[in-house]
């Protein structure tokens, strides 16, 4: 099954819902960064939430999420957009601990609880929207729940999960976001809280082969769900040699001259996909010519 997400409404439009399968996407990130299980779970949960949050945006809008909890995993940076494209990396991908008291990957210990979750939205306007909340759990799902309630004033329930194989590869990953809209009755909210409290862990639902639509059926009751849209999800990095080249030009002639004299070339390394771009002396001299012709 390919990765994808769905948008839906439930309970006569008073509940907005998203669900995603991200197994292949997280497997790709794990492979590129040779991540260890706890790091895979932390980044996988975060990227799954990010791709659903990206689906809440429109057109060319995009967002960047930064999670810094003070734990040994370091920072996590994730980019997502409205087209289902997502990328992410963690400072220390080879982070792993023994299972916690619940027999699960100890994401809280890796992430830490002394820091902030920050969401920056590029809405295509001059200014950016920035929301920031303290990390309350380190387990990721609870932290995004806190973000929605505090920063966007939308009561929400977030479920995220990642299962990892014995060989460190990603076995199953996915999640859901359920949001209460104006007009929801107390009865609806009570039913919703009860269903969410009793639903099977999201990673197990994905591992059992449930689709995003079926996940929402488990969480909300299939008879209550109206699917609005389905969208493919994939790890996508928009880095390029041209993009990094423009960044080098932006450093100015003196910096480029120093690169030529000290190294004879320049290298640019993408933290997200780990691609490396090499700029030999001739290309760097061409950048200098561009700078001079434009001045």
Protein backbone atom coordinates (compact mmCIF):
# COMPACT_ATOMS: atom_id res chain seq x y z
CA UNK A 1 0.00 0.00 0.00
CA UNK A 2 1.32 3.43 -0.97
CA UNK A 3 1.46 6.22 1.57
CA UNK A 4 -1.41 8.68 1.51
CA UNK A 5 -3.61 10.80 3.73
CA UNK A 6 -7.30 11.59 3.82
CA UNK A 7 -9.27 14.62 4.91
CA UNK A 8 -12.73 14.04 6.33
CA UNK A 9 -15.65 15.48 8.25
CA UNK A 10 -17.71 13.66 10.85
CA UNK A 11 -20.75 14.16 13.05
CA UNK A 12 -22.57 16.42 10.59
CA UNK A 13 -19.51 18.54 9.88
CA UNK A 14 -18.76 19.42 13.51
CA UNK A 15 -15.61 17.27 13.56
CA UNK A 16 -12.69 17.70 11.15
CA UNK A 17 -10.40 14.70 10.73
CA UNK A 18 -7.17 13.66 9.05
CA UNK A 19 -5.49 10.27 8.90
CA UNK A 20 -2.29 9.18 7.17
CA UNK A 21 -0.24 6.12 6.37
CA UNK A 22 3.44 7.16 6.26
CA UNK A 23 5.27 3.82 6.42
CA UNK A 24 7.23 4.15 3.17
CA UNK A 25 7.98 7.81 3.84
CA UNK A 26 9.49 7.10 7.25
CA UNK A 27 11.31 4.04 5.88
CA UNK A 28 12.97 6.29 3.31
CA UNK A 29 14.14 8.76 5.96
CA UNK A 30 15.38 5.93 8.19
CA UNK A 31 17.37 4.48 5.27
CA UNK A 32 18.93 7.78 4.25
CA UNK A 33 20.02 8.68 7.77
CA UNK A 34 20.71 5.15 9.08
CA UNK A 35 18.53 6.01 12.07
CA UNK A 36 18.28 3.84 15.17
CA UNK A 37 14.83 2.81 16.45
CA UNK A 38 14.12 5.50 19.06
CA UNK A 39 15.22 8.26 16.68
CA UNK A 40 13.07 6.73 13.93
CA UNK A 41 10.03 6.70 16.20
CA UNK A 42 10.54 10.32 17.27
CA UNK A 43 11.15 11.73 13.81
CA UNK A 44 8.54 9.44 12.25
CA UNK A 45 5.82 10.63 14.60
CA UNK A 46 6.80 14.25 14.02
CA UNK A 47 6.86 13.92 10.22
CA UNK A 48 3.49 12.15 10.24
CA UNK A 49 1.94 15.01 12.17
CA UNK A 50 3.65 17.54 9.90
CA UNK A 51 2.31 16.03 6.69
CA UNK A 52 -1.25 16.11 8.04
CA UNK A 53 -0.76 19.70 9.20
CA UNK A 54 0.54 20.54 5.73
CA UNK A 55 -2.70 19.17 4.30
CA UNK A 56 -4.56 21.78 6.35
CA UNK A 57 -2.89 24.51 4.27
CA UNK A 58 -3.80 25.68 0.75
CA UNK A 59 -2.04 26.27 -2.56
CA UNK A 60 1.67 26.89 -2.15
CA UNK A 61 1.51 27.33 1.62
CA UNK A 62 4.06 25.35 3.62
CA UNK A 63 5.26 24.96 7.17
CA UNK A 64 8.40 24.20 9.12
CA UNK A 65 8.34 22.46 12.50
CA UNK A 66 11.21 22.55 14.97
CA UNK A 67 11.22 20.38 18.08
CA UNK A 68 13.90 21.03 20.67
CA UNK A 69 13.27 19.16 23.92
CA UNK A 70 16.78 19.21 25.35
CA UNK A 71 17.16 15.43 25.01
CA UNK A 72 20.05 13.47 23.47
CA UNK A 73 18.33 13.27 20.10
CA UNK A 74 18.97 16.99 19.62
CA UNK A 75 16.75 19.07 17.34
CA UNK A 76 14.22 17.76 14.84
CA UNK A 77 13.43 19.87 11.78
CA UNK A 78 10.54 19.01 9.46
CA UNK A 79 9.20 20.74 6.34
CA UNK A 80 5.78 19.94 4.87
CA UNK A 81 3.40 21.48 2.36
CA UNK A 82 -0.18 21.24 1.14
CA UNK A 83 0.74 18.71 -1.57
CA UNK A 84 1.59 15.85 0.80
CA UNK A 85 5.33 16.38 0.50
CA UNK A 86 7.42 16.13 3.67
CA UNK A 87 11.07 15.96 4.66
CA UNK A 88 12.85 15.94 8.00
CA UNK A 89 16.01 15.23 9.91
CA UNK A 90 17.23 14.86 13.47
CA UNK A 91 20.55 16.08 14.86
CA UNK A 92 21.56 12.71 16.32
CA UNK A 93 19.95 9.94 14.21
CA UNK A 94 21.89 7.17 15.98
CA UNK A 95 19.96 7.56 19.24
CA UNK A 96 18.36 4.57 20.93
CA UNK A 97 17.40 3.40 24.43
CA UNK A 98 15.91 0.35 26.02
CA UNK A 99 12.11 0.11 25.94
CA UNK A 100 10.23 2.14 28.55
CA UNK A 101 8.01 0.79 31.34
CA UNK A 102 5.15 0.32 28.86
CA UNK A 103 7.34 -1.79 26.57
CA UNK A 104 7.49 0.94 23.95
CA UNK A 105 10.31 2.90 22.37
CA UNK A 106 11.41 5.56 24.87
CA UNK A 107 10.75 8.62 22.71
CA UNK A 108 10.26 10.89 25.71
CA UNK A 109 13.78 10.14 26.97
CA UNK A 110 15.28 10.80 23.53
CA UNK A 111 13.38 14.02 22.84
CA UNK A 112 13.40 15.50 26.33
CA UNK A 113 10.80 17.69 28.01
CA UNK A 114 12.74 20.91 28.58
CA UNK A 115 12.18 22.85 25.41
CA UNK A 116 9.81 24.11 22.76
CA UNK A 117 7.77 22.97 19.78
CA UNK A 118 7.71 25.68 17.12
CA UNK A 119 5.59 25.83 13.96
CA UNK A 120 6.36 28.43 11.31
CA UNK A 121 3.83 28.76 8.48
CA UNK A 122 4.71 30.38 5.17
CA UNK A 123 1.34 31.53 3.88
CA UNK A 124 2.78 33.24 0.83
CA UNK A 125 2.47 36.62 2.50
CA UNK A 126 5.13 39.06 3.63
CA UNK A 127 4.95 37.86 7.21
CA UNK A 128 5.13 34.35 8.60
CA UNK A 129 2.81 32.89 11.22
CA UNK A 130 4.74 31.44 14.15
CA UNK A 131 3.22 29.36 16.95
CA UNK A 132 5.25 28.04 19.85
CA UNK A 133 4.42 25.94 22.91
CA UNK A 134 6.50 24.29 25.63
CA UNK A 135 7.00 20.57 25.20
CA UNK A 136 4.66 18.91 27.68
CA UNK A 137 5.37 15.24 27.07
CA UNK A 138 8.21 14.50 24.68
CA UNK A 139 6.05 11.70 23.26
CA UNK A 140 5.20 13.99 20.31
CA UNK A 141 1.43 13.33 19.93
CA UNK A 142 0.60 15.04 23.21
CA UNK A 143 2.88 17.91 22.28
CA UNK A 144 1.07 18.54 19.00
CA UNK A 145 -2.25 18.28 20.83
CA UNK A 146 -1.01 21.05 23.13
CA UNK A 147 0.08 23.11 20.13
CA UNK A 148 -3.35 22.98 18.51
CA UNK A 149 -5.16 23.87 21.72
CA UNK A 150 -2.84 26.68 22.85
CA UNK A 151 -1.51 28.18 19.63
CA UNK A 152 -4.44 27.67 17.24
CA UNK A 153 -7.26 27.46 19.81
CA UNK A 154 -8.62 24.29 18.21
CA UNK A 155 -9.44 21.43 20.61
CA UNK A 156 -7.74 18.42 19.03
CA UNK A 157 -6.72 14.82 19.57
CA UNK A 158 -3.53 13.61 17.90
CA UNK A 159 -2.55 9.95 17.54
CA UNK A 160 0.87 9.04 16.10
CA UNK A 161 2.75 5.77 15.92
CA UNK A 162 5.83 4.10 14.45
CA UNK A 163 6.83 0.44 14.64
CA UNK A 164 10.44 -0.54 13.88
CA UNK A 165 11.73 -3.90 12.65
CA UNK A 166 14.59 -5.76 14.39
CA UNK A 167 16.92 -4.65 11.56
CA UNK A 168 16.09 -0.96 12.37
CA UNK A 169 13.92 -0.44 9.27
CA UNK A 170 10.48 1.14 9.64
CA UNK A 171 7.69 -1.45 9.80
CA UNK A 172 4.57 0.71 10.15
CA UNK A 173 3.90 4.41 10.60
CA UNK A 174 0.85 6.62 10.57
CA UNK A 175 -1.42 8.86 12.54
CA UNK A 176 -4.62 10.84 12.89
CA UNK A 177 -5.66 14.34 13.91
CA UNK A 178 -9.22 14.90 15.10
CA UNK A 179 -10.40 18.49 15.62
CA UNK A 180 -13.58 19.83 17.22
CA UNK A 181 -15.29 22.55 15.18
CA UNK A 182 -17.78 25.15 16.39
CA UNK A 183 -21.22 23.62 16.78
CA UNK A 184 -20.10 20.28 18.18
CA UNK A 185 -22.44 19.15 20.94
CA UNK A 186 -21.36 17.93 24.37
CA UNK A 187 -22.75 14.53 23.42
CA UNK A 188 -20.56 14.38 20.31
CA UNK A 189 -17.48 15.38 22.28
CA UNK A 190 -18.20 12.75 24.93
CA UNK A 191 -18.64 10.03 22.31
CA UNK A 192 -15.43 11.14 20.64
CA UNK A 193 -13.43 11.09 23.86
CA UNK A 194 -14.65 7.59 24.67
CA UNK A 195 -13.82 6.21 21.21
CA UNK A 196 -10.33 7.77 21.19
CA UNK A 197 -9.59 6.45 24.68
CA UNK A 198 -10.42 2.90 23.57
CA UNK A 199 -8.94 2.81 20.07
CA UNK A 200 -6.05 0.44 19.37
CA UNK A 201 -2.59 2.09 19.05
CA UNK A 202 -2.27 3.71 15.65
CA UNK A 203 0.93 1.85 14.73
CA UNK A 204 -0.84 -1.47 15.29
CA UNK A 205 -3.76 -0.37 13.11
CA UNK A 206 -1.32 0.48 10.32
CA UNK A 207 0.58 -2.79 10.86
CA UNK A 208 -2.71 -4.70 10.54
CA UNK A 209 -3.12 -3.14 7.12
CA UNK A 210 -5.88 -0.63 7.86
CA UNK A 211 -6.18 2.22 5.39
CA UNK A 212 -6.42 5.85 6.53
CA UNK A 213 -10.15 5.69 5.84
CA UNK A 214 -10.50 2.60 8.01
CA UNK A 215 -8.44 4.24 10.76
CA UNK A 216 -10.91 7.12 10.88
CA UNK A 217 -13.68 4.53 10.97
CA UNK A 218 -12.06 2.97 14.05
CA UNK A 219 -11.62 6.35 15.75
CA UNK A 220 -14.89 8.04 14.79
CA UNK A 221 -17.21 5.22 13.75
CA UNK A 222 -17.42 4.46 10.03
CA UNK A 223 -21.06 5.54 9.90
CA UNK A 224 -20.08 9.04 11.06
CA UNK A 225 -17.27 9.71 8.55
CA UNK A 226 -17.49 11.60 5.26
CA UNK A 227 -14.23 11.40 3.27
CA UNK A 228 -13.53 14.67 1.42
CA UNK A 229 -10.15 14.15 -0.20
CA UNK A 230 -7.31 11.68 -0.63
CA UNK A 231 -3.73 12.84 -1.20
CA UNK A 232 -0.46 10.98 -1.86
CA UNK A 233 2.27 11.34 0.78
CA UNK A 234 5.99 11.09 0.05
CA UNK A 235 9.42 12.08 1.29
CA UNK A 236 10.39 14.91 -1.06
CA UNK A 237 13.43 17.17 -0.88
CA UNK A 238 13.47 20.37 -2.91
CA UNK A 239 17.20 20.94 -2.65
CA UNK A 240 19.18 21.36 -5.89
CA UNK A 241 22.60 22.38 -7.11
CA UNK A 242 21.13 25.61 -8.45
CA UNK A 243 19.48 26.46 -5.12
CA UNK A 244 22.71 25.94 -3.17
CA UNK A 245 24.61 27.79 -5.89
CA UNK A 246 22.40 30.83 -5.40
CA UNK A 247 23.15 30.64 -1.67
CA UNK A 248 26.87 30.63 -2.41
CA UNK A 249 26.47 33.67 -4.68
CA UNK A 250 24.69 35.38 -1.81
CA UNK A 251 27.83 35.04 0.32
CA UNK A 252 29.59 37.58 -1.87
CA UNK A 253 32.81 37.72 -3.87
CA UNK A 254 35.22 37.74 -0.92
CA UNK A 255 33.80 34.56 0.60
CA UNK A 256 33.90 32.78 -2.76
CA UNK A 257 37.50 33.92 -3.31
CA UNK A 258 38.40 32.43 0.08
CA UNK A 259 36.80 29.12 -0.93
CA UNK A 260 38.88 29.02 -4.12
CA UNK A 261 42.13 29.86 -2.33
CA UNK A 262 41.60 27.55 0.66
CA UNK A 263 39.90 24.51 -0.90
CA UNK A 264 39.95 25.00 -4.66
CA UNK A 265 36.24 24.17 -4.66
CA UNK A 266 33.09 24.30 -2.52
CA UNK A 267 30.74 21.62 -1.25
CA UNK A 268 27.13 22.03 -0.13
CA UNK A 269 25.45 19.34 1.96
CA UNK A 270 21.68 18.94 2.41
CA UNK A 271 20.72 17.97 5.97
CA UNK A 272 17.39 16.55 4.79
CA UNK A 273 18.32 14.14 1.98
CA UNK A 274 22.12 14.04 2.57
CA UNK A 275 22.84 14.93 -1.06
CA UNK A 276 26.21 16.65 -1.57
CA UNK A 277 26.79 19.17 -4.37
CA UNK A 278 30.32 20.01 -5.52
CA UNK A 279 31.27 23.35 -7.10
CA UNK A 280 34.72 23.22 -8.75
CA UNK A 281 36.94 26.26 -9.16
CA UNK A 282 35.56 27.11 -12.62
CA UNK A 283 31.98 27.24 -11.31
CA UNK A 284 32.99 29.41 -8.36
CA UNK A 285 34.76 31.81 -10.71
CA UNK A 286 31.58 31.87 -12.77
CA UNK A 287 29.68 32.91 -9.64
CA UNK A 288 32.10 35.81 -9.18
CA UNK A 289 31.48 36.87 -12.79
CA UNK A 290 27.74 36.82 -12.07
CA UNK A 291 28.20 38.99 -9.00
CA UNK A 292 30.31 41.50 -10.94
CA UNK A 293 27.93 41.64 -13.91
CA UNK A 294 25.02 42.31 -11.57
CA UNK A 295 26.72 45.02 -9.55
